[in-house]
Amino acid sequence: MKGFTSLSTAVALFVGSFAAMGSSVIFNEDFDGGYAGAFGTSQYFGGPPSAYANAVQSSGGNPNGCWQEYMTTAGWGDYYAGQLQLMTVSGNTDPVAANYTLTFDAMGSQAANIQLGLQSWQNNYFGGSQLINTTLNFTLNAANTWQTFSVNLGTISGADPTGATWQLNFQLNSWQWGGPGNTDTLTVDNIVLTNAAVPEPATFALAGLGLASLLIIRRRQ
């Protein structure tokens, strides 16, 4: 029984290590030092709203640091987008978009729609070809409540996930946030891009050989 338990433990550890082999974090912008590459912010707007801004905050996140934007609307057609720019991303060499998931936490001043413009470019600092340019929509179900949102890049038509520059445009639209006369606030934290590549067939074969070796050694004992 002792030998069987030892073997079971070894197999479990082996399989667990193998399962974790293909998973990696490409970037983790948690506004607490998780992403150490070149970072910037920008904005665009229309209407225009009577007041607007976006900035990184040292508190108020989920937890600690975060990024926040707001606009005060003057008309139904107003919109404002703060832009987050990660300009020296590396490690995303796997070309299969379906192996990548982008997640982020968000909290709004009311239950409303988040319009996310997701863009990426081939090289650092917006250099080279644009690889991703799409618009995604997410729903905040309640005011002042953190929610986690995710998108698999494989659901984005033609997406190439290997870009070195990533820009996220979080757009607030007056017609989706209650119309004129409101000050609308969106707080964002923990923007993470994860790659979970499926190991190559040769890697599976190597893993199987290792497991077989464990069984043979245990049998001889």
Protein backbone atom coordinates (compact mmCIF):
# COMPACT_ATOMS: atom_id res chain seq x y z
CA MET A 1 0.00 0.00 0.00
CA LYS A 2 2.88 2.31 0.83
CA GLY A 3 4.45 1.68 -2.58
CA PHE A 4 1.15 2.30 -4.32
CA THR A 5 0.67 5.59 -2.45
CA SER A 6 4.18 6.74 -3.37
CA LEU A 7 3.56 5.89 -7.01
CA SER A 8 0.21 7.67 -7.00
CA THR A 9 1.82 10.75 -5.52
CA ALA A 10 4.60 10.71 -8.10
CA VAL A 11 2.14 10.33 -10.96
CA ALA A 12 -0.05 13.16 -9.62
CA LEU A 13 2.93 15.48 -9.32
CA PHE A 14 4.15 14.52 -12.78
CA VAL A 15 0.77 15.10 -14.42
CA GLY A 16 0.23 18.36 -12.53
CA SER A 17 3.60 19.72 -13.58
CA PHE A 18 2.95 18.69 -17.17
CA ALA A 19 -0.47 20.39 -17.21
CA ALA A 20 1.05 23.63 -15.97
CA MET A 21 3.82 23.58 -18.58
CA GLY A 22 1.82 25.24 -21.35
CA SER A 23 0.33 28.14 -19.35
CA SER A 24 2.01 31.54 -19.07
CA VAL A 25 1.11 35.16 -18.33
CA ILE A 26 2.11 37.48 -21.18
CA PHE A 27 1.31 40.69 -19.30
CA ASN A 28 -0.38 41.58 -16.03
CA GLU A 29 -1.16 45.29 -15.74
CA ASP A 30 -2.36 45.45 -12.15
CA PHE A 31 -1.10 49.03 -11.62
CA ASP A 32 1.04 47.72 -8.78
CA GLY A 33 4.16 46.82 -10.77
CA GLY A 34 2.92 43.62 -12.40
CA TYR A 35 3.72 44.97 -15.87
CA ALA A 36 7.16 46.57 -16.00
CA GLY A 37 7.25 47.50 -19.69
CA ALA A 38 6.65 50.84 -21.39
CA PHE A 39 3.20 52.18 -20.52
CA GLY A 40 1.19 55.24 -21.47
CA THR A 41 -2.29 56.74 -21.53
CA SER A 42 -4.13 58.86 -24.04
CA GLN A 43 -7.73 59.74 -24.91
CA TYR A 44 -10.28 60.70 -27.54
CA PHE A 45 -13.78 62.13 -27.24
CA GLY A 46 -16.72 63.56 -29.13
CA GLY A 47 -19.75 65.72 -28.49
CA PRO A 48 -17.99 66.92 -26.45
CA PRO A 49 -18.66 66.14 -22.78
CA SER A 50 -18.25 69.12 -20.45
CA ALA A 51 -15.52 67.44 -18.40
CA TYR A 52 -13.39 64.32 -18.81
CA ALA A 53 -10.08 62.76 -17.73
CA ASN A 54 -8.29 59.47 -17.16
CA ALA A 55 -5.37 58.58 -14.90
CA VAL A 56 -3.67 55.81 -12.96
CA GLN A 57 -4.68 55.85 -9.28
CA SER A 58 -2.65 54.58 -6.32
CA SER A 59 -5.75 53.30 -4.50
CA GLY A 60 -9.33 52.26 -5.15
CA GLY A 61 -8.42 49.19 -7.20
CA ASN A 62 -9.09 45.48 -6.80
CA PRO A 63 -6.96 45.81 -4.75
CA ASN A 64 -4.59 48.81 -4.45
CA GLY A 65 -3.69 50.64 -7.67
CA CYS A 66 -6.02 50.98 -10.66
CA TRP A 67 -6.86 53.14 -13.67
CA GLN A 68 -9.92 55.35 -13.77
CA GLU A 69 -11.74 57.52 -16.30
CA TYR A 70 -14.74 59.82 -16.06
CA MET A 71 -16.84 62.13 -18.19
CA THR A 72 -19.58 64.64 -17.40
CA THR A 73 -22.11 64.53 -20.22
CA ALA A 74 -23.72 67.54 -21.88
CA GLY A 75 -25.69 65.72 -24.58
CA TRP A 76 -26.87 62.30 -25.68
CA GLY A 77 -24.19 62.09 -28.35
CA ASP A 78 -21.23 62.62 -26.03
CA TYR A 79 -18.56 59.94 -25.70
CA TYR A 80 -15.16 59.66 -24.07
CA ALA A 81 -12.47 56.98 -24.23
CA GLY A 82 -9.40 56.73 -22.06
CA GLN A 83 -6.65 54.68 -23.71
CA LEU A 84 -4.23 52.30 -21.99
CA GLN A 85 -1.05 51.57 -23.95
CA LEU A 86 1.30 48.64 -23.23
CA MET A 87 4.11 49.23 -25.70
CA THR A 88 6.82 46.62 -25.04
CA VAL A 89 4.97 43.32 -24.65
CA SER A 90 7.00 40.14 -25.19
CA GLY A 91 6.69 36.38 -24.83
CA ASN A 92 3.57 36.02 -27.00
CA THR A 93 5.23 34.05 -29.79
CA ASP A 94 2.47 31.43 -30.08
CA PRO A 95 0.54 32.44 -33.25
CA VAL A 96 -2.69 30.61 -32.33
CA ALA A 97 -5.21 33.24 -31.16
CA ALA A 98 -7.46 30.66 -29.47
CA ASN A 99 -4.67 29.93 -26.97
CA TYR A 100 -4.91 33.44 -25.51
CA THR A 101 -7.40 34.91 -23.05
CA LEU A 102 -7.63 38.59 -22.09
CA THR A 103 -9.24 39.35 -18.73
CA PHE A 104 -9.83 42.53 -16.74
CA ASP A 105 -11.72 43.74 -13.67
CA ALA A 106 -14.04 46.74 -13.97
CA MET A 107 -16.39 48.77 -11.79
CA GLY A 108 -18.71 51.55 -12.94
CA SER A 109 -20.66 54.32 -11.28
CA GLN A 110 -23.80 52.67 -12.65
CA ALA A 111 -24.93 49.51 -14.41
CA ALA A 112 -24.07 50.20 -18.03
CA ASN A 113 -22.18 49.08 -21.13
CA ILE A 114 -18.40 49.00 -21.46
CA GLN A 115 -17.27 49.46 -25.05
CA LEU A 116 -13.70 48.19 -25.40
CA GLY A 117 -11.69 48.94 -28.51
CA LEU A 118 -8.86 46.39 -28.58
CA GLN A 119 -5.89 47.10 -30.84
CA SER A 120 -2.39 45.73 -31.27
CA TRP A 121 0.63 46.38 -33.48
CA GLN A 122 3.48 44.17 -34.59
CA ASN A 123 6.39 46.04 -32.99
CA ASN A 124 7.17 48.16 -29.93
CA TYR A 125 5.74 51.69 -29.77
CA PHE A 126 3.05 51.15 -32.44
CA GLY A 127 5.58 50.06 -35.06
CA GLY A 128 4.86 47.70 -37.95
CA SER A 129 1.52 46.35 -39.08
CA GLN A 130 -1.67 46.55 -37.04
CA LEU A 131 -2.57 43.01 -36.00
CA ILE A 132 -5.83 43.45 -34.04
CA ASN A 133 -8.48 46.17 -34.39
CA THR A 134 -11.86 45.22 -32.95
CA THR A 135 -14.65 46.50 -30.71
CA LEU A 136 -16.00 44.41 -27.82
CA ASN A 137 -18.93 45.12 -25.50
CA PHE A 138 -19.35 44.07 -21.87
CA THR A 139 -22.19 44.68 -19.43
CA LEU A 140 -21.80 46.01 -15.90
CA ASN A 141 -24.67 44.40 -13.99
CA ALA A 142 -24.60 46.69 -10.95
CA ALA A 143 -23.19 50.03 -9.87
CA ASN A 144 -20.01 50.26 -7.77
CA THR A 145 -19.41 46.51 -7.93
CA TRP A 146 -16.29 44.81 -9.29
CA GLN A 147 -16.81 42.33 -12.11
CA THR A 148 -14.30 40.24 -14.06
CA PHE A 149 -14.62 40.09 -17.84
CA SER A 150 -12.79 37.88 -20.32
CA VAL A 151 -12.48 37.29 -24.03
CA ASN A 152 -10.74 34.47 -25.88
CA LEU A 153 -8.79 36.02 -28.74
CA GLY A 154 -9.82 33.11 -30.95
CA THR A 155 -13.32 34.66 -31.10
CA ILE A 156 -11.90 37.75 -32.82
CA SER A 157 -11.87 37.30 -36.59
CA GLY A 158 -8.36 37.36 -38.05
CA ALA A 159 -6.67 38.16 -34.73
CA ASP A 160 -2.88 37.80 -34.61
CA PRO A 161 -1.92 37.65 -30.92
CA THR A 162 1.84 38.19 -31.34
CA GLY A 163 1.93 42.01 -31.23
CA ALA A 164 4.38 43.96 -29.07
CA THR A 165 2.10 46.99 -28.62
CA TRP A 166 -1.39 46.65 -27.14
CA GLN A 167 -3.89 49.48 -26.77
CA LEU A 168 -7.17 49.22 -24.86
CA ASN A 169 -9.73 51.97 -25.47
CA PHE A 170 -12.44 52.01 -22.80
CA GLN A 171 -15.22 54.13 -24.32
CA LEU A 172 -18.12 55.59 -22.34
CA ASN A 173 -21.13 56.53 -24.48
CA SER A 174 -23.65 58.97 -23.05
CA TRP A 175 -26.59 57.13 -24.66
CA GLN A 176 -25.53 53.95 -22.81
CA TRP A 177 -24.83 55.69 -19.47
CA GLY A 178 -28.06 57.54 -18.79
CA GLY A 179 -27.76 60.56 -21.07
CA PRO A 180 -26.79 64.19 -20.34
CA GLY A 181 -26.21 65.63 -16.90
CA ASN A 182 -24.39 62.62 -15.45
CA THR A 183 -20.81 62.17 -14.30
CA ASP A 184 -19.92 58.65 -15.37
CA THR A 185 -16.90 56.84 -13.90
CA LEU A 186 -15.22 53.59 -14.93
CA THR A 187 -12.45 51.96 -12.89
CA VAL A 188 -10.31 49.17 -14.35
CA ASP A 189 -7.74 46.83 -12.77
CA ASN A 190 -5.88 43.56 -13.38
CA ILE A 191 -5.62 43.54 -17.17
CA VAL A 192 -4.09 40.15 -17.90
CA LEU A 193 -3.23 38.36 -21.15
CA THR A 194 -2.65 34.63 -20.65
CA ASN A 195 -1.38 32.05 -23.10
CA ALA A 196 -2.38 28.41 -22.58
CA ALA A 197 -0.66 26.73 -25.50
CA VAL A 198 -1.39 23.05 -26.15
CA PRO A 199 1.89 21.09 -25.96
CA GLU A 200 3.25 19.64 -29.20
CA PRO A 201 2.66 15.90 -29.90
CA ALA A 202 6.35 15.25 -29.27
CA THR A 203 5.95 16.71 -25.78
CA PHE A 204 3.03 14.40 -25.09
CA ALA A 205 5.13 11.44 -26.24
CA LEU A 206 7.98 12.48 -23.96
CA ALA A 207 5.59 12.80 -21.05
CA GLY A 208 4.19 9.34 -21.74
CA LEU A 209 7.70 7.88 -21.85
CA GLY A 210 8.49 9.45 -18.49
CA LEU A 211 5.32 8.08 -16.92
CA ALA A 212 6.05 4.61 -18.32
CA SER A 213 9.54 4.78 -16.82
CA LEU A 214 8.05 5.54 -13.41
CA LEU A 215 5.79 2.49 -13.67
CA ILE A 216 8.66 0.18 -14.73
CA ILE A 217 10.90 1.39 -11.88
CA ARG A 218 8.11 0.87 -9.34
CA ARG A 219 7.35 -2.63 -10.68
CA ARG A 220 11.00 -3.68 -10.37
CA GLN A 221 11.03 -2.50 -6.78
